Amino acid sequence: MIPGFSWLKVAIAGATVLALVAAFQGFKRQQQGIGAERERAVWVARQVEEGQARAKEGLRRLEAQERNQREQNALVARLRDAAARNASDADRVRSEYADRARAWADRLADSPTADDRQAAATAIAVCTDVRGRLDQAAGELAAYAGAAAAAGSKCEVDYDALSRRPAP
């Protein structure tokens, strides 16, 4: 053996060991990078899946709200029609009541004194006016109550549609 070569062998062996360690560390880093990329890909896939689920739920809620709005519009139209019929009936009843009041006023025209006739005519006029006002107020109250009931019903249906989870 050549005395200078033992040092060379040790240097070559050391360099080889260092190269192997460096290669192993590089391989380990590469594997860690691949693992991190895998984890990131899994995370991205999970995020996409959750986003799709949220979009699907949003679409379900939107469709439920649209369906509820169509039903609400139909209910409001029916209530409006009923209110118009009721108003027409109320006008007819008021007219009949006014006709009867005039008939009673005509009958009382035969009263013996002018004061009696005037008092009876005034009483009939007051009763007719009060009844008409009460009827009008009742109609307004009924319309308000109908609109409030319809709005409350829609609110309840919307809440149920938005808070209900679909069956898996």
C-alpha atoms as a PDB file:
ATOM      1  CA  MET A   1       0.000   0.000   0.000  1.00  0.00           C
ATOM      2  CA  ILE A   2       1.184   3.446  -0.835  1.00  0.00           C
ATOM      3  CA  PRO A   3       1.289   5.657   2.223  1.00  0.00           C
ATOM      4  CA  GLY A   4      -0.349   8.654   0.492  1.00  0.00           C
ATOM      5  CA  PHE A   5      -3.125   6.556  -0.857  1.00  0.00           C
ATOM      6  CA  SER A   6      -4.665   5.595   2.515  1.00  0.00           C
ATOM      7  CA  TRP A   7      -5.472   9.206   3.057  1.00  0.00           C
ATOM      8  CA  LEU A   8      -6.970   9.306  -0.426  1.00  0.00           C
ATOM      9  CA  LYS A   9      -9.084   6.232   0.306  1.00  0.00           C
ATOM     10  CA  VAL A  10     -10.360   7.822   3.509  1.00  0.00           C
ATOM     11  CA  ALA A  11     -11.127  11.041   1.615  1.00  0.00           C
ATOM     12  CA  ILE A  12     -12.932   9.122  -1.142  1.00  0.00           C
ATOM     13  CA  ALA A  13     -14.850   7.066   1.407  1.00  0.00           C
ATOM     14  CA  GLY A  14     -15.748  10.239   3.337  1.00  0.00           C
ATOM     15  CA  ALA A  15     -16.854  12.001   0.153  1.00  0.00           C
ATOM     16  CA  THR A  16     -18.883   8.953  -0.793  1.00  0.00           C
ATOM     17  CA  VAL A  17     -20.528   8.890   2.633  1.00  0.00           C
ATOM     18  CA  LEU A  18     -21.228  12.625   2.400  1.00  0.00           C
ATOM     19  CA  ALA A  19     -22.660  12.191  -1.078  1.00  0.00           C
ATOM     20  CA  LEU A  20     -24.844   9.316   0.130  1.00  0.00           C
ATOM     21  CA  VAL A  21     -26.044  11.365   3.130  1.00  0.00           C
ATOM     22  CA  ALA A  22     -26.760  14.338   0.862  1.00  0.00           C
ATOM     23  CA  ALA A  23     -28.589  12.092  -1.618  1.00  0.00           C
ATOM     24  CA  PHE A  24     -30.592  10.536   1.223  1.00  0.00           C
ATOM     25  CA  GLN A  25     -31.495  13.974   2.573  1.00  0.00           C
ATOM     26  CA  GLY A  26     -32.516  15.102  -0.916  1.00  0.00           C
ATOM     27  CA  PHE A  27     -34.628  11.973  -1.335  1.00  0.00           C
ATOM     28  CA  LYS A  28     -36.205  12.591   2.061  1.00  0.00           C
ATOM     29  CA  ARG A  29     -36.986  16.212   1.151  1.00  0.00           C
ATOM     30  CA  GLN A  30     -38.410  15.095  -2.164  1.00  0.00           C
ATOM     31  CA  GLN A  31     -40.631  12.559  -0.381  1.00  0.00           C
ATOM     32  CA  GLN A  32     -41.707  15.233   2.099  1.00  0.00           C
ATOM     33  CA  GLY A  33     -42.499  17.539  -0.817  1.00  0.00           C
ATOM     34  CA  ILE A  34     -44.530  14.820  -2.481  1.00  0.00           C
ATOM     35  CA  GLY A  35     -46.308  14.154   0.817  1.00  0.00           C
ATOM     36  CA  ALA A  36     -47.029  17.860   1.269  1.00  0.00           C
ATOM     37  CA  GLU A  37     -48.332  18.080  -2.285  1.00  0.00           C
ATOM     38  CA  ARG A  38     -50.531  15.058  -1.622  1.00  0.00           C
ATOM     39  CA  GLU A  39     -51.871  16.660   1.544  1.00  0.00           C
ATOM     40  CA  ARG A  40     -52.502  19.910  -0.329  1.00  0.00           C
ATOM     41  CA  ALA A  41     -54.300  18.043  -3.106  1.00  0.00           C
ATOM     42  CA  VAL A  42     -56.483  16.262  -0.541  1.00  0.00           C
ATOM     43  CA  TRP A  43     -57.216  19.605   1.179  1.00  0.00           C
ATOM     44  CA  VAL A  44     -58.101  21.264  -2.138  1.00  0.00           C
ATOM     45  CA  ALA A  45     -60.344  18.322  -3.058  1.00  0.00           C
ATOM     46  CA  ARG A  46     -62.079  18.599   0.333  1.00  0.00           C
ATOM     47  CA  GLN A  47     -62.551  22.344  -0.152  1.00  0.00           C
ATOM     48  CA  VAL A  48     -64.029  21.807  -3.615  1.00  0.00           C
ATOM     49  CA  GLU A  49     -66.355  19.134  -2.254  1.00  0.00           C
ATOM     50  CA  GLU A  50     -67.495  21.406   0.596  1.00  0.00           C
ATOM     51  CA  GLY A  51     -67.996  24.271  -1.856  1.00  0.00           C
ATOM     52  CA  GLN A  52     -70.112  22.076  -4.074  1.00  0.00           C
ATOM     53  CA  ALA A  53     -72.183  20.981  -1.064  1.00  0.00           C
ATOM     54  CA  ARG A  54     -72.683  24.635  -0.025  1.00  0.00           C
ATOM     55  CA  ALA A  55     -73.675  25.552  -3.578  1.00  0.00           C
ATOM     56  CA  LYS A  56     -76.126  22.662  -3.709  1.00  0.00           C
ATOM     57  CA  GLU A  57     -77.659  23.716  -0.371  1.00  0.00           C
ATOM     58  CA  GLY A  58     -77.839  27.334  -1.549  1.00  0.00           C
ATOM     59  CA  LEU A  59     -79.603  26.234  -4.710  1.00  0.00           C
ATOM     60  CA  ARG A  60     -82.062  24.132  -2.694  1.00  0.00           C
ATOM     61  CA  ARG A  61     -82.804  27.090  -0.439  1.00  0.00           C
ATOM     62  CA  LEU A  62     -83.230  29.444  -3.384  1.00  0.00           C
ATOM     63  CA  GLU A  63     -85.632  27.042  -5.097  1.00  0.00           C
ATOM     64  CA  ALA A  64     -87.603  26.690  -1.854  1.00  0.00           C
ATOM     65  CA  GLN A  65     -87.829  30.464  -1.495  1.00  0.00           C
ATOM     66  CA  GLU A  66     -88.928  30.865  -5.114  1.00  0.00           C
ATOM     67  CA  ARG A  67     -91.587  28.168  -4.662  1.00  0.00           C
ATOM     68  CA  ASN A  68     -92.760  29.830  -1.447  1.00  0.00           C
ATOM     69  CA  GLN A  69     -92.879  33.222  -3.176  1.00  0.00           C
ATOM     70  CA  ARG A  70     -95.033  31.809  -5.990  1.00  0.00           C
ATOM     71  CA  GLU A  71     -97.384  30.286  -3.425  1.00  0.00           C
ATOM     72  CA  GLN A  72     -97.441  33.584  -1.509  1.00  0.00           C
ATOM     73  CA  ASN A  73     -98.236  35.529  -4.675  1.00  0.00           C
ATOM     74  CA  ALA A  74    -101.110  33.153  -5.434  1.00  0.00           C
ATOM     75  CA  LEU A  75    -102.417  33.493  -1.873  1.00  0.00           C
ATOM     76  CA  VAL A  76    -102.201  37.294  -2.000  1.00  0.00           C
ATOM     77  CA  ALA A  77    -104.071  37.289  -5.319  1.00  0.00           C
ATOM     78  CA  ARG A  78    -106.808  35.102  -3.803  1.00  0.00           C
ATOM     79  CA  LEU A  79    -107.006  37.393  -0.767  1.00  0.00           C
ATOM     80  CA  ARG A  80    -107.171  40.451  -3.019  1.00  0.00           C
ATOM     81  CA  ASP A  81    -110.010  38.861  -5.005  1.00  0.00           C
ATOM     82  CA  ALA A  82    -111.843  37.976  -1.797  1.00  0.00           C
ATOM     83  CA  ALA A  83    -111.354  41.522  -0.481  1.00  0.00           C
ATOM     84  CA  ALA A  84    -112.740  42.953  -3.728  1.00  0.00           C
ATOM     85  CA  ARG A  85    -115.775  40.652  -3.462  1.00  0.00           C
ATOM     86  CA  ASN A  86    -116.241  41.631   0.175  1.00  0.00           C
ATOM     87  CA  ALA A  87    -115.965  45.332  -0.690  1.00  0.00           C
ATOM     88  CA  SER A  88    -118.565  44.889  -3.420  1.00  0.00           C
ATOM     89  CA  ASP A  89    -120.852  43.082  -0.990  1.00  0.00           C
ATOM     90  CA  ALA A  90    -120.294  45.794   1.615  1.00  0.00           C
ATOM     91  CA  ASP A  91    -121.168  48.509  -0.934  1.00  0.00           C
ATOM     92  CA  ARG A  92    -124.343  46.631  -1.801  1.00  0.00           C
ATOM     93  CA  VAL A  93    -125.291  46.257   1.876  1.00  0.00           C
ATOM     94  CA  ARG A  94    -124.564  49.957   2.548  1.00  0.00           C
ATOM     95  CA  SER A  95    -126.705  50.903  -0.420  1.00  0.00           C
ATOM     96  CA  GLU A  96    -129.556  48.686   0.789  1.00  0.00           C
ATOM     97  CA  TYR A  97    -129.217  50.130   4.277  1.00  0.00           C
ATOM     98  CA  ALA A  98    -129.332  53.692   2.905  1.00  0.00           C
ATOM     99  CA  ASP A  99    -132.421  52.778   0.842  1.00  0.00           C
ATOM    100  CA  ARG A 100    -134.123  51.420   3.960  1.00  0.00           C
ATOM    101  CA  ALA A 101    -133.160  54.509   5.920  1.00  0.00           C
ATOM    102  CA  ARG A 102    -134.721  56.707   3.212  1.00  0.00           C
ATOM    103  CA  ALA A 103    -137.850  54.527   3.282  1.00  0.00           C
ATOM    104  CA  TRP A 104    -138.114  54.960   7.046  1.00  0.00           C
ATOM    105  CA  ALA A 105    -137.560  58.680   6.682  1.00  0.00           C
ATOM    106  CA  ASP A 106    -140.394  58.796   4.133  1.00  0.00           C
ATOM    107  CA  ARG A 107    -142.682  56.863   6.493  1.00  0.00           C
ATOM    108  CA  LEU A 108    -141.834  59.214   9.318  1.00  0.00           C
ATOM    109  CA  ALA A 109    -142.718  62.132   7.099  1.00  0.00           C
ATOM    110  CA  ASP A 110    -146.267  61.404   8.142  1.00  0.00           C
ATOM    111  CA  SER A 111    -145.420  62.175  11.771  1.00  0.00           C
ATOM    112  CA  PRO A 112    -147.713  64.701  13.335  1.00  0.00           C
ATOM    113  CA  THR A 113    -145.050  67.269  14.180  1.00  0.00           C
ATOM    114  CA  ALA A 114    -142.075  68.668  12.359  1.00  0.00           C
ATOM    115  CA  ASP A 115    -139.879  68.163  15.423  1.00  0.00           C
ATOM    116  CA  ASP A 116    -140.660  64.413  15.435  1.00  0.00           C
ATOM    117  CA  ARG A 117    -139.847  64.137  11.747  1.00  0.00           C
ATOM    118  CA  GLN A 118    -136.612  66.066  12.153  1.00  0.00           C
ATOM    119  CA  ALA A 119    -135.526  64.002  15.167  1.00  0.00           C
ATOM    120  CA  ALA A 120    -136.305  60.709  13.407  1.00  0.00           C
ATOM    121  CA  ALA A 121    -134.516  61.791  10.223  1.00  0.00           C
ATOM    122  CA  THR A 122    -131.464  62.874  12.225  1.00  0.00           C
ATOM    123  CA  ALA A 123    -131.405  59.598  14.175  1.00  0.00           C
ATOM    124  CA  ILE A 124    -131.661  57.573  10.979  1.00  0.00           C
ATOM    125  CA  ALA A 125    -128.929  59.626   9.304  1.00  0.00           C
ATOM    126  CA  VAL A 126    -126.616  59.204  12.295  1.00  0.00           C
ATOM    127  CA  CYS A 127    -127.256  55.452  12.447  1.00  0.00           C
ATOM    128  CA  THR A 128    -126.634  55.129   8.712  1.00  0.00           C
ATOM    129  CA  ASP A 129    -123.387  57.102   8.939  1.00  0.00           C
ATOM    130  CA  VAL A 130    -122.129  55.179  11.982  1.00  0.00           C
ATOM    131  CA  ARG A 131    -122.956  51.832  10.394  1.00  0.00           C
ATOM    132  CA  GLY A 132    -121.189  52.823   7.176  1.00  0.00           C
ATOM    133  CA  ARG A 133    -118.065  53.896   9.066  1.00  0.00           C
ATOM    134  CA  LEU A 134    -118.058  50.722  11.145  1.00  0.00           C
ATOM    135  CA  ASP A 135    -118.451  48.614   8.041  1.00  0.00           C
ATOM    136  CA  GLN A 136    -115.600  50.438   6.315  1.00  0.00           C
ATOM    137  CA  ALA A 137    -113.343  50.078   9.379  1.00  0.00           C
ATOM    138  CA  ALA A 138    -114.186  46.379   9.603  1.00  0.00           C
ATOM    139  CA  GLY A 139    -113.246  45.950   5.942  1.00  0.00           C
ATOM    140  CA  GLU A 140    -109.911  47.704   6.454  1.00  0.00           C
ATOM    141  CA  LEU A 141    -109.200  45.621   9.544  1.00  0.00           C
ATOM    142  CA  ALA A 142    -110.072  42.414   7.711  1.00  0.00           C
ATOM    143  CA  ALA A 143    -107.785  43.354   4.804  1.00  0.00           C
ATOM    144  CA  TYR A 144    -104.929  44.123   7.209  1.00  0.00           C
ATOM    145  CA  ALA A 145    -105.489  40.884   9.116  1.00  0.00           C
ATOM    146  CA  GLY A 146    -105.551  38.885   5.881  1.00  0.00           C
ATOM    147  CA  ALA A 147    -102.314  40.478   4.654  1.00  0.00           C
ATOM    148  CA  ALA A 148    -100.640  39.922   8.038  1.00  0.00           C
ATOM    149  CA  ALA A 149    -101.751  36.287   8.113  1.00  0.00           C
ATOM    150  CA  ALA A 150    -100.429  35.728   4.584  1.00  0.00           C
ATOM    151  CA  ALA A 151     -97.093  37.385   5.397  1.00  0.00           C
ATOM    152  CA  GLY A 152     -96.756  35.380   8.613  1.00  0.00           C
ATOM    153  CA  SER A 153     -97.541  32.170   6.800  1.00  0.00           C
ATOM    154  CA  LYS A 154     -94.911  32.904   4.138  1.00  0.00           C
ATOM    155  CA  CYS A 155     -92.348  33.771   6.789  1.00  0.00           C
ATOM    156  CA  GLU A 156     -92.988  30.480   8.555  1.00  0.00           C
ATOM    157  CA  VAL A 157     -92.756  28.485   5.326  1.00  0.00           C
ATOM    158  CA  ASP A 158     -89.529  30.295   4.334  1.00  0.00           C
ATOM    159  CA  TYR A 159     -88.004  29.623   7.751  1.00  0.00           C
ATOM    160  CA  ASP A 160     -88.922  25.951   7.545  1.00  0.00           C
ATOM    161  CA  ALA A 161     -87.491  25.701   4.030  1.00  0.00           C
ATOM    162  CA  LEU A 162     -84.250  27.424   4.976  1.00  0.00           C
ATOM    163  CA  SER A 163     -83.664  25.670   8.271  1.00  0.00           C
ATOM    164  CA  ARG A 164     -84.630  22.160   7.191  1.00  0.00           C
ATOM    165  CA  ARG A 165     -81.727  19.978   6.159  1.00  0.00           C
ATOM    166  CA  PRO A 166     -82.381  17.739   3.174  1.00  0.00           C
ATOM    167  CA  ALA A 167     -82.416  14.012   3.783  1.00  0.00           C
ATOM    168  CA  PRO A 168     -79.075  12.452   2.768  1.00  0.00           C
END
